[in-house]
Amino acid sequence: MRYRTEIESLLADSPLTDPEVVESVRELVVAGEFALAFDTICSWIYEDDLCISSSYFDRLLNASKVMGSERLIENIRTLVDARENYPAEKEHLTAYLIEE
């Protein structure tokens, strides 16, 4: 696994919006601190309670196995957006909200 490419890709696709956090991760990647950059992405996703897709979670999980950070990822599992797996419920909720 090319750590730099994967971390940059995870960052680009992440739900992180704080420019300072994003810049901090980029600086860590440039410095070759890939494990710390990965940890920072995961920590901020968890701390800010940001929803992620199951496919993004799978990418985090795969990267964590290579980097030896699987325990960190287990905390994030609760943030996977369950609605993506239930499109009918999502449509029902959307229709309900529009009616209100």
PDB file of N, CA and C in Angstrom:
ATOM      1  N   MET A   1       0.849  -1.186   0.000  1.00  0.00           N
ATOM      2  CA  MET A   1       0.000   0.000   0.000  1.00  0.00           C
ATOM      3  C   MET A   1       0.886   1.237   0.000  1.00  0.00           C
ATOM      4  N   ARG A   2       0.569   2.130  -0.860  1.00  0.00           N
ATOM      5  CA  ARG A   2       1.279   3.405  -0.844  1.00  0.00           C
ATOM      6  C   ARG A   2       0.556   4.303   0.145  1.00  0.00           C
ATOM      7  N   TYR A   3       1.150   4.470   1.309  1.00  0.00           N
ATOM      8  CA  TYR A   3       0.494   5.206   2.382  1.00  0.00           C
ATOM      9  C   TYR A   3       0.091   6.611   1.962  1.00  0.00           C
ATOM     10  N   ARG A   4       1.011   7.313   1.360  1.00  0.00           N
ATOM     11  CA  ARG A   4       0.745   8.711   1.008  1.00  0.00           C
ATOM     12  C   ARG A   4      -0.492   8.838   0.124  1.00  0.00           C
ATOM     13  N   THR A   5      -0.552   8.051  -0.929  1.00  0.00           N
ATOM     14  CA  THR A   5      -1.680   8.110  -1.861  1.00  0.00           C
ATOM     15  C   THR A   5      -2.988   7.771  -1.163  1.00  0.00           C
ATOM     16  N   GLU A   6      -2.969   6.728  -0.351  1.00  0.00           N
ATOM     17  CA  GLU A   6      -4.194   6.301   0.334  1.00  0.00           C
ATOM     18  C   GLU A   6      -4.657   7.344   1.348  1.00  0.00           C
ATOM     19  N   ILE A   7      -3.741   7.887   2.127  1.00  0.00           N
ATOM     20  CA  ILE A   7      -4.109   8.907   3.120  1.00  0.00           C
ATOM     21  C   ILE A   7      -4.654  10.147   2.416  1.00  0.00           C
ATOM     22  N   GLU A   8      -4.008  10.569   1.351  1.00  0.00           N
ATOM     23  CA  GLU A   8      -4.502  11.738   0.608  1.00  0.00           C
ATOM     24  C   GLU A   8      -5.893  11.478   0.037  1.00  0.00           C
ATOM     25  N   SER A   9      -6.122  10.278  -0.441  1.00  0.00           N
ATOM     26  CA  SER A   9      -7.434   9.919  -0.979  1.00  0.00           C
ATOM     27  C   SER A   9      -8.491   9.892   0.122  1.00  0.00           C
ATOM     28  N   LEU A  10      -8.151   9.311   1.261  1.00  0.00           N
ATOM     29  CA  LEU A  10      -9.089   9.287   2.393  1.00  0.00           C
ATOM     30  C   LEU A  10      -9.405  10.701   2.869  1.00  0.00           C
ATOM     31  N   LEU A  11      -8.400  11.547   2.903  1.00  0.00           N
ATOM     32  CA  LEU A  11      -8.618  12.935   3.313  1.00  0.00           C
ATOM     33  C   LEU A  11      -9.528  13.657   2.329  1.00  0.00           C
ATOM     34  N   ALA A  12      -9.270  13.484   1.048  1.00  0.00           N
ATOM     35  CA  ALA A  12     -10.073  14.155   0.017  1.00  0.00           C
ATOM     36  C   ALA A  12     -11.536  13.731   0.081  1.00  0.00           C
ATOM     37  N   ASP A  13     -11.782  12.481   0.425  1.00  0.00           N
ATOM     38  CA  ASP A  13     -13.148  11.959   0.465  1.00  0.00           C
ATOM     39  C   ASP A  13     -13.777  12.020   1.851  1.00  0.00           C
ATOM     40  N   SER A  14     -13.048  12.533   2.808  1.00  0.00           N
ATOM     41  CA  SER A  14     -13.532  12.542   4.191  1.00  0.00           C
ATOM     42  C   SER A  14     -14.587  13.626   4.412  1.00  0.00           C
ATOM     43  N   PRO A  15     -15.352  13.481   5.493  1.00  0.00           N
ATOM     44  CA  PRO A  15     -16.334  14.508   5.833  1.00  0.00           C
ATOM     45  C   PRO A  15     -15.730  15.675   6.624  1.00  0.00           C
ATOM     46  N   LEU A  16     -14.419  15.693   6.769  1.00  0.00           N
ATOM     47  CA  LEU A  16     -13.769  16.771   7.522  1.00  0.00           C
ATOM     48  C   LEU A  16     -13.940  18.098   6.793  1.00  0.00           C
ATOM     49  N   THR A  17     -14.329  19.118   7.542  1.00  0.00           N
ATOM     50  CA  THR A  17     -14.560  20.428   6.933  1.00  0.00           C
ATOM     51  C   THR A  17     -13.699  21.536   7.537  1.00  0.00           C
ATOM     52  N   ASP A  18     -13.116  21.287   8.686  1.00  0.00           N
ATOM     53  CA  ASP A  18     -12.293  22.305   9.340  1.00  0.00           C
ATOM     54  C   ASP A  18     -10.987  22.464   8.561  1.00  0.00           C
ATOM     55  N   PRO A  19     -10.766  23.643   7.975  1.00  0.00           N
ATOM     56  CA  PRO A  19      -9.561  23.842   7.150  1.00  0.00           C
ATOM     57  C   PRO A  19      -8.261  23.619   7.921  1.00  0.00           C
ATOM     58  N   GLU A  20      -8.248  23.928   9.209  1.00  0.00           N
ATOM     59  CA  GLU A  20      -7.035  23.736  10.004  1.00  0.00           C
ATOM     60  C   GLU A  20      -6.720  22.254  10.184  1.00  0.00           C
ATOM     61  N   VAL A  21      -7.746  21.453  10.379  1.00  0.00           N
ATOM     62  CA  VAL A  21      -7.547  20.010  10.530  1.00  0.00           C
ATOM     63  C   VAL A  21      -7.061  19.414   9.215  1.00  0.00           C
ATOM     64  N   VAL A  22      -7.705  19.795   8.128  1.00  0.00           N
ATOM     65  CA  VAL A  22      -7.317  19.295   6.804  1.00  0.00           C
ATOM     66  C   VAL A  22      -5.866  19.666   6.514  1.00  0.00           C
ATOM     67  N   GLU A  23      -5.500  20.895   6.799  1.00  0.00           N
ATOM     68  CA  GLU A  23      -4.122  21.345   6.559  1.00  0.00           C
ATOM     69  C   GLU A  23      -3.141  20.590   7.454  1.00  0.00           C
ATOM     70  N   SER A  24      -3.526  20.339   8.688  1.00  0.00           N
ATOM     71  CA  SER A  24      -2.675  19.595   9.607  1.00  0.00           C
ATOM     72  C   SER A  24      -2.403  18.183   9.086  1.00  0.00           C
ATOM     73  N   VAL A  25      -3.441  17.533   8.581  1.00  0.00           N
ATOM     74  CA  VAL A  25      -3.270  16.190   8.015  1.00  0.00           C
ATOM     75  C   VAL A  25      -2.346  16.252   6.801  1.00  0.00           C
ATOM     76  N   ARG A  26      -2.535  17.239   5.961  1.00  0.00           N
ATOM     77  CA  ARG A  26      -1.666  17.384   4.780  1.00  0.00           C
ATOM     78  C   ARG A  26      -0.205  17.567   5.179  1.00  0.00           C
ATOM     79  N   GLU A  27       0.024  18.379   6.200  1.00  0.00           N
ATOM     80  CA  GLU A  27       1.391  18.606   6.669  1.00  0.00           C
ATOM     81  C   GLU A  27       2.008  17.319   7.213  1.00  0.00           C
ATOM     82  N   LEU A  28       1.211  16.527   7.918  1.00  0.00           N
ATOM     83  CA  LEU A  28       1.706  15.251   8.434  1.00  0.00           C
ATOM     84  C   LEU A  28       2.075  14.301   7.295  1.00  0.00           C
ATOM     85  N   VAL A  29       1.266  14.291   6.245  1.00  0.00           N
ATOM     86  CA  VAL A  29       1.548  13.440   5.087  1.00  0.00           C
ATOM     87  C   VAL A  29       2.855  13.875   4.422  1.00  0.00           C
ATOM     88  N   VAL A  30       3.018  15.171   4.230  1.00  0.00           N
ATOM     89  CA  VAL A  30       4.239  15.691   3.604  1.00  0.00           C
ATOM     90  C   VAL A  30       5.467  15.324   4.445  1.00  0.00           C
ATOM     91  N   ALA A  31       5.302  15.335   5.770  1.00  0.00           N
ATOM     92  CA  ALA A  31       6.411  15.003   6.663  1.00  0.00           C
ATOM     93  C   ALA A  31       6.654  13.496   6.760  1.00  0.00           C
ATOM     94  N   GLY A  32       5.809  12.710   6.101  1.00  0.00           N
ATOM     95  CA  GLY A  32       5.976  11.259   6.151  1.00  0.00           C
ATOM     96  C   GLY A  32       5.391  10.612   7.384  1.00  0.00           C
ATOM     97  N   GLU A  33       4.616  11.357   8.132  1.00  0.00           N
ATOM     98  CA  GLU A  33       3.971  10.853   9.351  1.00  0.00           C
ATOM     99  C   GLU A  33       2.607  10.265   8.998  1.00  0.00           C
ATOM    100  N   PHE A  34       2.618   9.169   8.240  1.00  0.00           N
ATOM    101  CA  PHE A  34       1.383   8.608   7.701  1.00  0.00           C
ATOM    102  C   PHE A  34       0.459   8.050   8.784  1.00  0.00           C
ATOM    103  N   ALA A  35       1.031   7.355   9.759  1.00  0.00           N
ATOM    104  CA  ALA A  35       0.204   6.793  10.831  1.00  0.00           C
ATOM    105  C   ALA A  35      -0.466   7.906  11.633  1.00  0.00           C
ATOM    106  N   LEU A  36       0.263   8.962  11.905  1.00  0.00           N
ATOM    107  CA  LEU A  36      -0.302  10.084  12.649  1.00  0.00           C
ATOM    108  C   LEU A  36      -1.354  10.818  11.823  1.00  0.00           C
ATOM    109  N   ALA A  37      -1.122  10.944  10.531  1.00  0.00           N
ATOM    110  CA  ALA A  37      -2.111  11.570   9.646  1.00  0.00           C
ATOM    111  C   ALA A  37      -3.397  10.744   9.629  1.00  0.00           C
ATOM    112  N   PHE A  38      -3.256   9.431   9.521  1.00  0.00           N
ATOM    113  CA  PHE A  38      -4.411   8.536   9.521  1.00  0.00           C
ATOM    114  C   PHE A  38      -5.150   8.629  10.853  1.00  0.00           C
ATOM    115  N   ASP A  39      -4.411   8.606  11.941  1.00  0.00           N
ATOM    116  CA  ASP A  39      -4.997   8.720  13.272  1.00  0.00           C
ATOM    117  C   ASP A  39      -5.753  10.039  13.423  1.00  0.00           C
ATOM    118  N   THR A  40      -5.203  11.105  12.884  1.00  0.00           N
ATOM    119  CA  THR A  40      -5.845  12.419  12.965  1.00  0.00           C
ATOM    120  C   THR A  40      -7.164  12.429  12.210  1.00  0.00           C
ATOM    121  N   ILE A  41      -7.176  11.866  11.011  1.00  0.00           N
ATOM    122  CA  ILE A  41      -8.427  11.781  10.239  1.00  0.00           C
ATOM    123  C   ILE A  41      -9.476  11.026  11.043  1.00  0.00           C
ATOM    124  N   CYS A  42      -9.102   9.847  11.527  1.00  0.00           N
ATOM    125  CA  CYS A  42     -10.053   9.008  12.262  1.00  0.00           C
ATOM    126  C   CYS A  42     -10.524   9.674  13.551  1.00  0.00           C
ATOM    127  N   SER A  43      -9.605  10.273  14.266  1.00  0.00           N
ATOM    128  CA  SER A  43      -9.955  10.922  15.532  1.00  0.00           C
ATOM    129  C   SER A  43     -10.939  12.064  15.335  1.00  0.00           C
ATOM    130  N   TRP A  44     -10.713  12.883  14.318  1.00  0.00           N
ATOM    131  CA  TRP A  44     -11.620  14.005  14.071  1.00  0.00           C
ATOM    132  C   TRP A  44     -12.983  13.535  13.588  1.00  0.00           C
ATOM    133  N   ILE A  45     -13.013  12.501  12.778  1.00  0.00           N
ATOM    134  CA  ILE A  45     -14.305  11.956  12.350  1.00  0.00           C
ATOM    135  C   ILE A  45     -15.079  11.492  13.577  1.00  0.00           C
ATOM    136  N   TYR A  46     -14.390  10.787  14.467  1.00  0.00           N
ATOM    137  CA  TYR A  46     -15.044  10.268  15.670  1.00  0.00           C
ATOM    138  C   TYR A  46     -15.426  11.391  16.630  1.00  0.00           C
ATOM    139  N   GLU A  47     -14.500  12.279  16.912  1.00  0.00           N
ATOM    140  CA  GLU A  47     -14.753  13.357  17.876  1.00  0.00           C
ATOM    141  C   GLU A  47     -15.861  14.302  17.425  1.00  0.00           C
ATOM    142  N   ASP A  48     -15.920  14.567  16.125  1.00  0.00           N
ATOM    143  CA  ASP A  48     -16.958  15.465  15.605  1.00  0.00           C
ATOM    144  C   ASP A  48     -18.243  14.728  15.252  1.00  0.00           C
ATOM    145  N   ASP A  49     -18.264  13.408  15.495  1.00  0.00           N
ATOM    146  CA  ASP A  49     -19.469  12.597  15.277  1.00  0.00           C
ATOM    147  C   ASP A  49     -19.984  12.750  13.845  1.00  0.00           C
ATOM    148  N   LEU A  50     -19.062  12.634  12.881  1.00  0.00           N
ATOM    149  CA  LEU A  50     -19.401  12.838  11.474  1.00  0.00           C
ATOM    150  C   LEU A  50     -19.874  11.539  10.834  1.00  0.00           C
ATOM    151  N   CYS A  51     -20.968  11.605  10.115  1.00  0.00           N
ATOM    152  CA  CYS A  51     -21.482  10.425   9.412  1.00  0.00           C
ATOM    153  C   CYS A  51     -20.582  10.094   8.227  1.00  0.00           C
ATOM    154  N   ILE A  52     -20.379   8.806   8.027  1.00  0.00           N
ATOM    155  CA  ILE A  52     -19.603   8.341   6.881  1.00  0.00           C
ATOM    156  C   ILE A  52     -20.361   7.208   6.203  1.00  0.00           C
ATOM    157  N   SER A  53     -20.067   6.987   4.948  1.00  0.00           N
ATOM    158  CA  SER A  53     -20.704   5.897   4.205  1.00  0.00           C
ATOM    159  C   SER A  53     -20.041   4.572   4.580  1.00  0.00           C
ATOM    160  N   SER A  54     -20.735   3.499   4.308  1.00  0.00           N
ATOM    161  CA  SER A  54     -20.153   2.182   4.591  1.00  0.00           C
ATOM    162  C   SER A  54     -18.935   1.930   3.701  1.00  0.00           C
ATOM    163  N   SER A  55     -18.952   2.443   2.480  1.00  0.00           N
ATOM    164  CA  SER A  55     -17.792   2.246   1.603  1.00  0.00           C
ATOM    165  C   SER A  55     -16.579   3.022   2.128  1.00  0.00           C
ATOM    166  N   TYR A  56     -16.804   4.214   2.668  1.00  0.00           N
ATOM    167  CA  TYR A  56     -15.696   4.979   3.243  1.00  0.00           C
ATOM    168  C   TYR A  56     -15.176   4.266   4.494  1.00  0.00           C
ATOM    169  N   PHE A  57     -16.093   3.748   5.304  1.00  0.00           N
ATOM    170  CA  PHE A  57     -15.684   2.989   6.485  1.00  0.00           C
ATOM    171  C   PHE A  57     -14.829   1.793   6.076  1.00  0.00           C
ATOM    172  N   ASP A  58     -15.234   1.088   5.029  1.00  0.00           N
ATOM    173  CA  ASP A  58     -14.459  -0.061   4.551  1.00  0.00           C
ATOM    174  C   ASP A  58     -13.049   0.357   4.144  1.00  0.00           C
ATOM    175  N   ARG A  59     -12.936   1.509   3.520  1.00  0.00           N
ATOM    176  CA  ARG A  59     -11.612   2.016   3.139  1.00  0.00           C
ATOM    177  C   ARG A  59     -10.771   2.314   4.378  1.00  0.00           C
ATOM    178  N   LEU A  60     -11.404   2.930   5.392  1.00  0.00           N
ATOM    179  CA  LEU A  60     -10.693   3.188   6.645  1.00  0.00           C
ATOM    180  C   LEU A  60     -10.255   1.873   7.285  1.00  0.00           C
ATOM    181  N   LEU A  61     -11.148   0.903   7.290  1.00  0.00           N
ATOM    182  CA  LEU A  61     -10.851  -0.392   7.895  1.00  0.00           C
ATOM    183  C   LEU A  61      -9.685  -1.080   7.185  1.00  0.00           C
ATOM    184  N   ASN A  62      -9.694  -1.073   5.869  1.00  0.00           N
ATOM    185  CA  ASN A  62      -8.593  -1.682   5.110  1.00  0.00           C
ATOM    186  C   ASN A  62      -7.269  -0.989   5.400  1.00  0.00           C
ATOM    187  N   ALA A  63      -7.292   0.332   5.433  1.00  0.00           N
ATOM    188  CA  ALA A  63      -6.065   1.076   5.735  1.00  0.00           C
ATOM    189  C   ALA A  63      -5.599   0.789   7.159  1.00  0.00           C
ATOM    190  N   SER A  64      -6.546   0.669   8.081  1.00  0.00           N
ATOM    191  CA  SER A  64      -6.177   0.423   9.478  1.00  0.00           C
ATOM    192  C   SER A  64      -5.512  -0.938   9.658  1.00  0.00           C
ATOM    193  N   LYS A  65      -5.940  -1.918   8.877  1.00  0.00           N
ATOM    194  CA  LYS A  65      -5.332  -3.255   8.973  1.00  0.00           C
ATOM    195  C   LYS A  65      -3.870  -3.213   8.546  1.00  0.00           C
ATOM    196  N   VAL A  66      -3.595  -2.452   7.510  1.00  0.00           N
ATOM    197  CA  VAL A  66      -2.219  -2.330   7.030  1.00  0.00           C
ATOM    198  C   VAL A  66      -1.375  -1.546   8.030  1.00  0.00           C
ATOM    199  N   MET A  67      -1.983  -0.538   8.651  1.00  0.00           N
ATOM    200  CA  MET A  67      -1.238   0.337   9.560  1.00  0.00           C
ATOM    201  C   MET A  67      -1.270  -0.146  11.007  1.00  0.00           C
ATOM    202  N   GLY A  68      -2.042  -1.199  11.290  1.00  0.00           N
ATOM    203  CA  GLY A  68      -2.125  -1.710  12.654  1.00  0.00           C
ATOM    204  C   GLY A  68      -2.953  -0.840  13.576  1.00  0.00           C
ATOM    205  N   SER A  69      -3.981  -0.209  13.036  1.00  0.00           N
ATOM    206  CA  SER A  69      -4.820   0.697  13.825  1.00  0.00           C
ATOM    207  C   SER A  69      -6.271   0.222  13.888  1.00  0.00           C
ATOM    208  N   GLU A  70      -6.499  -1.088  13.833  1.00  0.00           N
ATOM    209  CA  GLU A  70      -7.871  -1.597  13.767  1.00  0.00           C
ATOM    210  C   GLU A  70      -8.733  -1.162  14.950  1.00  0.00           C
ATOM    211  N   ARG A  71      -8.132  -1.091  16.118  1.00  0.00           N
ATOM    212  CA  ARG A  71      -8.897  -0.721  17.317  1.00  0.00           C
ATOM    213  C   ARG A  71      -9.480   0.688  17.184  1.00  0.00           C
ATOM    214  N   LEU A  72      -8.728   1.575  16.614  1.00  0.00           N
ATOM    215  CA  LEU A  72      -9.174   2.950  16.398  1.00  0.00           C
ATOM    216  C   LEU A  72     -10.422   2.985  15.522  1.00  0.00           C
ATOM    217  N   ILE A  73     -10.469   2.142  14.517  1.00  0.00           N
ATOM    218  CA  ILE A  73     -11.564   2.137  13.552  1.00  0.00           C
ATOM    219  C   ILE A  73     -12.856   1.603  14.152  1.00  0.00           C
ATOM    220  N   GLU A  74     -12.765   0.691  15.084  1.00  0.00           N
ATOM    221  CA  GLU A  74     -13.983   0.117  15.669  1.00  0.00           C
ATOM    222  C   GLU A  74     -14.871   1.190  16.292  1.00  0.00           C
ATOM    223  N   ASN A  75     -14.282   2.222  16.858  1.00  0.00           N
ATOM    224  CA  ASN A  75     -15.075   3.317  17.431  1.00  0.00           C
ATOM    225  C   ASN A  75     -15.867   4.057  16.365  1.00  0.00           C
ATOM    226  N   ILE A  76     -15.348   4.090  15.164  1.00  0.00           N
ATOM    227  CA  ILE A  76     -15.970   4.846  14.077  1.00  0.00           C
ATOM    228  C   ILE A  76     -17.138   4.087  13.455  1.00  0.00           C
ATOM    229  N   ARG A  77     -17.187   2.784  13.650  1.00  0.00           N
ATOM    230  CA  ARG A  77     -18.245   1.961  13.049  1.00  0.00           C
ATOM    231  C   ARG A  77     -19.640   2.528  13.337  1.00  0.00           C
ATOM    232  N   THR A  78     -19.833   3.111  14.499  1.00  0.00           N
ATOM    233  CA  THR A  78     -21.150   3.647  14.868  1.00  0.00           C
ATOM    234  C   THR A  78     -21.541   4.863  14.038  1.00  0.00           C
ATOM    235  N   LEU A  79     -20.606   5.450  13.332  1.00  0.00           N
ATOM    236  CA  LEU A  79     -20.885   6.656  12.559  1.00  0.00           C
ATOM    237  C   LEU A  79     -21.265   6.370  11.113  1.00  0.00           C
ATOM    238  N   VAL A  80     -21.272   5.084  10.740  1.00  0.00           N
ATOM    239  CA  VAL A  80     -21.675   4.732   9.379  1.00  0.00           C
ATOM    240  C   VAL A  80     -23.140   5.093   9.225  1.00  0.00           C
ATOM    241  N   ASP A  81     -23.433   5.826   8.189  1.00  0.00           N
ATOM    242  CA  ASP A  81     -24.787   6.315   7.946  1.00  0.00           C
ATOM    243  C   ASP A  81     -25.688   5.148   7.563  1.00  0.00           C
ATOM    244  N   ALA A  82     -26.496   4.693   8.510  1.00  0.00           N
ATOM    245  CA  ALA A  82     -27.378   3.546   8.284  1.00  0.00           C
ATOM    246  C   ALA A  82     -28.418   3.841   7.216  1.00  0.00           C
ATOM    247  N   ARG A  83     -28.734   5.091   7.002  1.00  0.00           N
ATOM    248  CA  ARG A  83     -29.769   5.439   6.024  1.00  0.00           C
ATOM    249  C   ARG A  83     -29.397   5.025   4.611  1.00  0.00           C
ATOM    250  N   GLU A  84     -28.114   4.949   4.306  1.00  0.00           N
ATOM    251  CA  GLU A  84     -27.725   4.576   2.947  1.00  0.00           C
ATOM    252  C   GLU A  84     -28.128   3.140   2.629  1.00  0.00           C
ATOM    253  N   ASN A  85     -28.314   2.332   3.662  1.00  0.00           N
ATOM    254  CA  ASN A  85     -28.697   0.941   3.456  1.00  0.00           C
ATOM    255  C   ASN A  85     -30.207   0.756   3.397  1.00  0.00           C
ATOM    256  N   TYR A  86     -30.946   1.800   3.658  1.00  0.00           N
ATOM    257  CA  TYR A  86     -32.398   1.706   3.696  1.00  0.00           C
ATOM    258  C   TYR A  86     -33.025   2.811   2.858  1.00  0.00           C
ATOM    259  N   PRO A  87     -32.888   2.739   1.539  1.00  0.00           N
ATOM    260  CA  PRO A  87     -33.401   3.813   0.684  1.00  0.00           C
ATOM    261  C   PRO A  87     -34.904   4.011   0.812  1.00  0.00           C
ATOM    262  N   ALA A  88     -35.664   2.956   1.039  1.00  0.00           N
ATOM    263  CA  ALA A  88     -37.119   3.101   1.172  1.00  0.00           C
ATOM    264  C   ALA A  88     -37.451   3.930   2.405  1.00  0.00           C
ATOM    265  N   GLU A  89     -36.761   3.660   3.507  1.00  0.00           N
ATOM    266  CA  GLU A  89     -36.991   4.443   4.717  1.00  0.00           C
ATOM    267  C   GLU A  89     -36.562   5.889   4.506  1.00  0.00           C
ATOM    268  N   LYS A  90     -35.494   6.083   3.782  1.00  0.00           N
ATOM    269  CA  LYS A  90     -35.005   7.430   3.508  1.00  0.00           C
ATOM    270  C   LYS A  90     -36.043   8.201   2.692  1.00  0.00           C
ATOM    271  N   GLU A  91     -36.621   7.539   1.682  1.00  0.00           N
ATOM    272  CA  GLU A  91     -37.648   8.189   0.872  1.00  0.00           C
ATOM    273  C   GLU A  91     -38.871   8.510   1.716  1.00  0.00           C
ATOM    274  N   HIS A  92     -39.248   7.585   2.596  1.00  0.00           N
ATOM    275  CA  HIS A  92     -40.398   7.808   3.469  1.00  0.00           C
ATOM    276  C   HIS A  92     -40.142   9.010   4.379  1.00  0.00           C
ATOM    277  N   LEU A  93     -38.970   9.064   4.964  1.00  0.00           N
ATOM    278  CA  LEU A  93     -38.621  10.176   5.842  1.00  0.00           C
ATOM    279  C   LEU A  93     -38.607  11.487   5.075  1.00  0.00           C
ATOM    280  N   THR A  94     -38.048  11.481   3.878  1.00  0.00           N
ATOM    281  CA  THR A  94     -38.014  12.687   3.056  1.00  0.00           C
ATOM    282  C   THR A  94     -39.429  13.153   2.738  1.00  0.00           C
ATOM    283  N   ALA A  95     -40.299  12.227   2.364  1.00  0.00           N
ATOM    284  CA  ALA A  95     -41.691  12.580   2.062  1.00  0.00           C
ATOM    285  C   ALA A  95     -42.374  13.145   3.296  1.00  0.00           C
ATOM    286  N   TYR A  96     -42.108  12.560   4.452  1.00  0.00           N
ATOM    287  CA  TYR A  96     -42.697  13.034   5.700  1.00  0.00           C
ATOM    288  C   TYR A  96     -42.235  14.454   6.008  1.00  0.00           C
ATOM    289  N   LEU A  97     -40.955  14.709   5.845  1.00  0.00           N
ATOM    290  CA  LEU A  97     -40.420  16.035   6.142  1.00  0.00           C
ATOM    291  C   LEU A  97     -40.954  17.086   5.180  1.00  0.00           C
ATOM    292  N   ILE A  98     -41.172  16.709   3.930  1.00  0.00           N
ATOM    293  CA  ILE A  98     -41.704  17.651   2.948  1.00  0.00           C
ATOM    294  C   ILE A  98     -43.143  18.013   3.289  1.00  0.00           C
ATOM    295  N   GLU A  99     -43.902  17.029   3.785  1.00  0.00           N
ATOM    296  CA  GLU A  99     -45.296  17.276   4.149  1.00  0.00           C
ATOM    297  C   GLU A  99     -45.409  18.230   5.324  1.00  0.00           C
ATOM    298  N   GLU A 100     -44.446  18.186   6.216  1.00  0.00           N
ATOM    299  CA  GLU A 100     -44.490  19.019   7.418  1.00  0.00           C
ATOM    300  C   GLU A 100     -44.294  20.433   7.081  1.00  0.00           C
TER     301      GLU A 100
END
